[in-house]
Amino acid sequence: MNNFQKIILCSVAVFLLASCAGIKETGRTIGHTTRDVTKKIGHTSRDAVKAIGKETKEVVKDIKD
């Protein structure tokens, strides 16, 4: 293998490694954003259900009285 081929091979290897790092970072960003959005939706849903449950209990109590 001559020097030119070695340089090309090393350049390709460095390019592929840099490309993989970019893809990994993009995947991490997407994953963390998905996690945060899902958590926010879950907490909001939980709070809404709790609020509805409290109001329902009060209405049932008023009807019984």
C-alpha atoms as a PDB file:
ATOM      1  CA  MET A   1       0.000   0.000   0.000  1.00  0.00           C
ATOM      2  CA  ASN A   2       1.511   3.315  -0.994  1.00  0.00           C
ATOM      3  CA  ASN A   3       1.344   6.558   0.975  1.00  0.00           C
ATOM      4  CA  PHE A   4      -1.513   7.991  -1.088  1.00  0.00           C
ATOM      5  CA  GLN A   5      -3.719   4.992  -0.380  1.00  0.00           C
ATOM      6  CA  LYS A   6      -2.887   5.184   3.336  1.00  0.00           C
ATOM      7  CA  ILE A   7      -3.823   8.862   3.428  1.00  0.00           C
ATOM      8  CA  ILE A   8      -7.125   8.160   1.644  1.00  0.00           C
ATOM      9  CA  LEU A   9      -7.896   5.244   3.979  1.00  0.00           C
ATOM     10  CA  CYS A  10      -7.181   7.340   7.084  1.00  0.00           C
ATOM     11  CA  SER A  11      -9.241  10.226   5.730  1.00  0.00           C
ATOM     12  CA  VAL A  12     -12.203   7.948   5.100  1.00  0.00           C
ATOM     13  CA  ALA A  13     -11.876   6.443   8.599  1.00  0.00           C
ATOM     14  CA  VAL A  14     -11.812   9.895  10.226  1.00  0.00           C
ATOM     15  CA  PHE A  15     -14.789  11.015   8.150  1.00  0.00           C
ATOM     16  CA  LEU A  16     -16.815   7.930   9.146  1.00  0.00           C
ATOM     17  CA  LEU A  17     -16.010   8.388  12.828  1.00  0.00           C
ATOM     18  CA  ALA A  18     -17.025  12.050  12.701  1.00  0.00           C
ATOM     19  CA  SER A  19     -20.217  11.099  10.894  1.00  0.00           C
ATOM     20  CA  CYS A  20     -21.070   8.475  13.530  1.00  0.00           C
ATOM     21  CA  ALA A  21     -20.543  10.997  16.326  1.00  0.00           C
ATOM     22  CA  GLY A  22     -22.948  13.407  14.622  1.00  0.00           C
ATOM     23  CA  ILE A  23     -25.579  10.712  14.204  1.00  0.00           C
ATOM     24  CA  LYS A  24     -25.157   9.648  17.835  1.00  0.00           C
ATOM     25  CA  GLU A  25     -25.599  13.227  19.072  1.00  0.00           C
ATOM     26  CA  THR A  26     -28.684  13.687  16.910  1.00  0.00           C
ATOM     27  CA  GLY A  27     -30.170  10.475  18.285  1.00  0.00           C
ATOM     28  CA  ARG A  28     -29.455  11.564  21.845  1.00  0.00           C
ATOM     29  CA  THR A  29     -31.118  14.939  21.248  1.00  0.00           C
ATOM     30  CA  ILE A  30     -34.215  13.299  19.770  1.00  0.00           C
ATOM     31  CA  GLY A  31     -34.365  10.792  22.626  1.00  0.00           C
ATOM     32  CA  HIS A  32     -34.060  13.392  25.363  1.00  0.00           C
ATOM     33  CA  THR A  33     -36.635  15.655  23.735  1.00  0.00           C
ATOM     34  CA  THR A  34     -39.055  12.734  23.406  1.00  0.00           C
ATOM     35  CA  ARG A  35     -38.482  11.815  27.062  1.00  0.00           C
ATOM     36  CA  ASP A  36     -39.104  15.379  28.242  1.00  0.00           C
ATOM     37  CA  VAL A  37     -42.263  15.815  26.164  1.00  0.00           C
ATOM     38  CA  THR A  38     -43.652  12.460  27.278  1.00  0.00           C
ATOM     39  CA  LYS A  39     -42.953  13.300  30.912  1.00  0.00           C
ATOM     40  CA  LYS A  40     -44.711  16.668  30.573  1.00  0.00           C
ATOM     41  CA  ILE A  41     -47.759  15.053  28.931  1.00  0.00           C
ATOM     42  CA  GLY A  42     -47.903  12.409  31.655  1.00  0.00           C
ATOM     43  CA  HIS A  43     -47.683  14.905  34.489  1.00  0.00           C
ATOM     44  CA  THR A  44     -50.310  17.152  32.928  1.00  0.00           C
ATOM     45  CA  SER A  45     -52.655  14.204  32.394  1.00  0.00           C
ATOM     46  CA  ARG A  46     -52.147  13.059  35.987  1.00  0.00           C
ATOM     47  CA  ASP A  47     -52.919  16.531  37.327  1.00  0.00           C
ATOM     48  CA  ALA A  48     -56.058  16.785  35.172  1.00  0.00           C
ATOM     49  CA  VAL A  49     -57.328  13.403  36.390  1.00  0.00           C
ATOM     50  CA  LYS A  50     -56.690  14.379  40.009  1.00  0.00           C
ATOM     51  CA  ALA A  51     -58.571  17.661  39.562  1.00  0.00           C
ATOM     52  CA  ILE A  52     -61.532  15.908  37.926  1.00  0.00           C
ATOM     53  CA  GLY A  53     -61.537  13.277  40.682  1.00  0.00           C
ATOM     54  CA  LYS A  54     -61.655  15.904  43.425  1.00  0.00           C
ATOM     55  CA  GLU A  55     -64.483  17.794  41.741  1.00  0.00           C
ATOM     56  CA  THR A  56     -66.424  14.567  41.167  1.00  0.00           C
ATOM     57  CA  LYS A  57     -66.103  13.618  44.848  1.00  0.00           C
ATOM     58  CA  GLU A  58     -67.420  17.032  45.872  1.00  0.00           C
ATOM     59  CA  VAL A  59     -70.413  16.746  43.520  1.00  0.00           C
ATOM     60  CA  VAL A  60     -71.257  13.245  44.744  1.00  0.00           C
ATOM     61  CA  LYS A  61     -70.974  14.429  48.348  1.00  0.00           C
ATOM     62  CA  ASP A  62     -73.308  17.371  47.647  1.00  0.00           C
ATOM     63  CA  ILE A  63     -75.837  15.075  45.957  1.00  0.00           C
ATOM     64  CA  LYS A  64     -75.829  12.705  48.956  1.00  0.00           C
ATOM     65  CA  ASP A  65     -76.394  15.595  51.378  1.00  0.00           C
END
